[in-house]
Amino acid sequence: MENHAYDIPSESLIEMAGFFNVTTDYILEISDIKRDYNGEYRMNQKMDKCYDIVLCYQKLSEINQKTLHYILERLEQAQIESEEAFAKEVDKNSENSDM
């Protein structure tokens, strides 16, 4: 390949496109169009679910927006830590049941 580009396995490319909700052409920089019709429809459905939250957020003062942002970051981190602890516990139980 040219310009230091790498060959991406098809499965990985499709998985990345699904994760980021964009087309594979967009990831490969073949197109400037991020989403096809189905992708736009799915994104609109997701955004509709969050619309009320966005409206409330916009009404907050700047300091309250920053506070909420910090709280959300901490909640996300706590969830990640909880999921990692759960996965370790499952692995530990799996190892013990194999004995």
C-alpha atoms as a PDB file:
ATOM      1  CA  MET A   1       0.000   0.000   0.000  1.00  0.00           C
ATOM      2  CA  GLU A   2       1.138   3.555  -0.525  1.00  0.00           C
ATOM      3  CA  ASN A   3       1.552   6.497   1.867  1.00  0.00           C
ATOM      4  CA  HIS A   4       2.254   4.262   4.862  1.00  0.00           C
ATOM      5  CA  ALA A   5      -1.325   2.971   4.782  1.00  0.00           C
ATOM      6  CA  TYR A   6      -2.126  -0.413   6.284  1.00  0.00           C
ATOM      7  CA  ASP A   7      -4.390  -3.231   5.248  1.00  0.00           C
ATOM      8  CA  ILE A   8      -7.340  -3.395   7.678  1.00  0.00           C
ATOM      9  CA  PRO A   9      -9.092  -6.762   7.970  1.00  0.00           C
ATOM     10  CA  SER A  10     -12.661  -6.515   6.667  1.00  0.00           C
ATOM     11  CA  GLU A  11     -14.173  -7.733   9.931  1.00  0.00           C
ATOM     12  CA  SER A  12     -12.316  -5.048  11.896  1.00  0.00           C
ATOM     13  CA  LEU A  13     -13.341  -2.355   9.444  1.00  0.00           C
ATOM     14  CA  ILE A  14     -17.002  -3.350   9.642  1.00  0.00           C
ATOM     15  CA  GLU A  15     -16.828  -3.520  13.445  1.00  0.00           C
ATOM     16  CA  MET A  16     -15.235  -0.047  13.635  1.00  0.00           C
ATOM     17  CA  ALA A  17     -17.871   1.390  11.307  1.00  0.00           C
ATOM     18  CA  GLY A  18     -20.611  -0.059  13.487  1.00  0.00           C
ATOM     19  CA  PHE A  19     -19.013   1.197  16.686  1.00  0.00           C
ATOM     20  CA  PHE A  20     -18.597   4.758  15.371  1.00  0.00           C
ATOM     21  CA  ASN A  21     -21.872   4.617  13.406  1.00  0.00           C
ATOM     22  CA  VAL A  22     -20.179   5.674  10.166  1.00  0.00           C
ATOM     23  CA  THR A  23     -19.698   4.076   6.764  1.00  0.00           C
ATOM     24  CA  THR A  24     -16.617   2.027   5.947  1.00  0.00           C
ATOM     25  CA  ASP A  25     -15.945   4.443   3.079  1.00  0.00           C
ATOM     26  CA  TYR A  26     -15.757   7.278   5.582  1.00  0.00           C
ATOM     27  CA  ILE A  27     -13.188   5.398   7.698  1.00  0.00           C
ATOM     28  CA  LEU A  28     -11.137   4.651   4.574  1.00  0.00           C
ATOM     29  CA  GLU A  29     -11.400   8.329   3.539  1.00  0.00           C
ATOM     30  CA  ILE A  30     -13.039   7.338   0.261  1.00  0.00           C
ATOM     31  CA  SER A  31     -16.085   9.488   1.039  1.00  0.00           C
ATOM     32  CA  ASP A  32     -16.899  12.573   3.089  1.00  0.00           C
ATOM     33  CA  ILE A  33     -20.353  11.179   3.838  1.00  0.00           C
ATOM     34  CA  LYS A  34     -20.308   9.832   7.394  1.00  0.00           C
ATOM     35  CA  ARG A  35     -23.544   7.877   7.403  1.00  0.00           C
ATOM     36  CA  ASP A  36     -25.847   6.284   4.893  1.00  0.00           C
ATOM     37  CA  TYR A  37     -29.618   6.624   5.274  1.00  0.00           C
ATOM     38  CA  ASN A  38     -29.854   3.775   7.804  1.00  0.00           C
ATOM     39  CA  GLY A  39     -27.002   5.220   9.832  1.00  0.00           C
ATOM     40  CA  GLU A  40     -28.633   8.649   9.879  1.00  0.00           C
ATOM     41  CA  TYR A  41     -31.927   7.094  10.949  1.00  0.00           C
ATOM     42  CA  ARG A  42     -30.280   5.187  13.823  1.00  0.00           C
ATOM     43  CA  MET A  43     -28.390   8.306  14.917  1.00  0.00           C
ATOM     44  CA  ASN A  44     -31.584  10.364  14.886  1.00  0.00           C
ATOM     45  CA  GLN A  45     -33.313   7.761  17.055  1.00  0.00           C
ATOM     46  CA  LYS A  46     -30.450   7.925  19.566  1.00  0.00           C
ATOM     47  CA  MET A  47     -30.491  11.718  19.556  1.00  0.00           C
ATOM     48  CA  ASP A  48     -34.254  11.846  20.062  1.00  0.00           C
ATOM     49  CA  LYS A  49     -33.842   9.807  23.256  1.00  0.00           C
ATOM     50  CA  CYS A  50     -31.353  12.374  24.592  1.00  0.00           C
ATOM     51  CA  TYR A  51     -33.051  15.553  23.405  1.00  0.00           C
ATOM     52  CA  ASP A  52     -34.698  16.407  26.755  1.00  0.00           C
ATOM     53  CA  ILE A  53     -31.373  15.959  28.531  1.00  0.00           C
ATOM     54  CA  VAL A  54     -29.665  18.301  26.077  1.00  0.00           C
ATOM     55  CA  LEU A  55     -32.348  20.956  26.585  1.00  0.00           C
ATOM     56  CA  CYS A  56     -31.928  20.757  30.377  1.00  0.00           C
ATOM     57  CA  TYR A  57     -28.137  20.901  30.028  1.00  0.00           C
ATOM     58  CA  GLN A  58     -28.325  24.032  27.879  1.00  0.00           C
ATOM     59  CA  LYS A  59     -30.346  25.801  30.588  1.00  0.00           C
ATOM     60  CA  LEU A  60     -27.631  25.195  33.204  1.00  0.00           C
ATOM     61  CA  SER A  61     -25.056  27.804  34.110  1.00  0.00           C
ATOM     62  CA  GLU A  62     -21.522  27.222  32.843  1.00  0.00           C
ATOM     63  CA  ILE A  63     -20.314  26.087  36.271  1.00  0.00           C
ATOM     64  CA  ASN A  64     -23.215  23.622  36.578  1.00  0.00           C
ATOM     65  CA  GLN A  65     -22.481  22.305  33.075  1.00  0.00           C
ATOM     66  CA  LYS A  66     -18.866  21.696  34.111  1.00  0.00           C
ATOM     67  CA  THR A  67     -20.031  20.040  37.335  1.00  0.00           C
ATOM     68  CA  LEU A  68     -22.409  17.761  35.444  1.00  0.00           C
ATOM     69  CA  HIS A  69     -19.671  16.906  32.963  1.00  0.00           C
ATOM     70  CA  TYR A  70     -17.348  15.954  35.843  1.00  0.00           C
ATOM     71  CA  ILE A  71     -20.073  13.837  37.473  1.00  0.00           C
ATOM     72  CA  LEU A  72     -20.703  12.015  34.181  1.00  0.00           C
ATOM     73  CA  GLU A  73     -16.975  11.327  33.748  1.00  0.00           C
ATOM     74  CA  ARG A  74     -16.798   9.876  37.256  1.00  0.00           C
ATOM     75  CA  LEU A  75     -19.906   7.738  36.682  1.00  0.00           C
ATOM     76  CA  GLU A  76     -18.412   6.423  33.457  1.00  0.00           C
ATOM     77  CA  GLN A  77     -15.132   5.613  35.216  1.00  0.00           C
ATOM     78  CA  ALA A  78     -16.962   3.904  38.095  1.00  0.00           C
ATOM     79  CA  GLN A  79     -18.929   1.808  35.607  1.00  0.00           C
ATOM     80  CA  ILE A  80     -15.746   0.760  33.813  1.00  0.00           C
ATOM     81  CA  GLU A  81     -14.125  -0.193  37.119  1.00  0.00           C
ATOM     82  CA  SER A  82     -17.221  -2.141  38.151  1.00  0.00           C
ATOM     83  CA  GLU A  83     -17.316  -4.028  34.841  1.00  0.00           C
ATOM     84  CA  GLU A  84     -13.592  -4.834  35.121  1.00  0.00           C
ATOM     85  CA  ALA A  85     -14.049  -6.106  38.690  1.00  0.00           C
ATOM     86  CA  PHE A  86     -17.004  -8.232  37.582  1.00  0.00           C
ATOM     87  CA  ALA A  87     -15.003  -9.682  34.678  1.00  0.00           C
ATOM     88  CA  LYS A  88     -12.144 -10.560  37.037  1.00  0.00           C
ATOM     89  CA  GLU A  89     -14.589 -12.235  39.414  1.00  0.00           C
ATOM     90  CA  VAL A  90     -16.099 -14.261  36.578  1.00  0.00           C
ATOM     91  CA  ASP A  91     -12.615 -15.302  35.434  1.00  0.00           C
ATOM     92  CA  LYS A  92     -11.665 -16.249  38.990  1.00  0.00           C
ATOM     93  CA  ASN A  93     -14.830 -18.317  39.433  1.00  0.00           C
ATOM     94  CA  SER A  94     -14.264 -19.960  36.058  1.00  0.00           C
ATOM     95  CA  GLU A  95     -10.726 -20.945  37.045  1.00  0.00           C
ATOM     96  CA  ASN A  96     -11.928 -22.349  40.373  1.00  0.00           C
ATOM     97  CA  SER A  97     -14.655 -24.421  38.693  1.00  0.00           C
ATOM     98  CA  ASP A  98     -12.074 -25.906  36.297  1.00  0.00           C
ATOM     99  CA  MET A  99     -10.137 -27.378  39.199  1.00  0.00           C
END
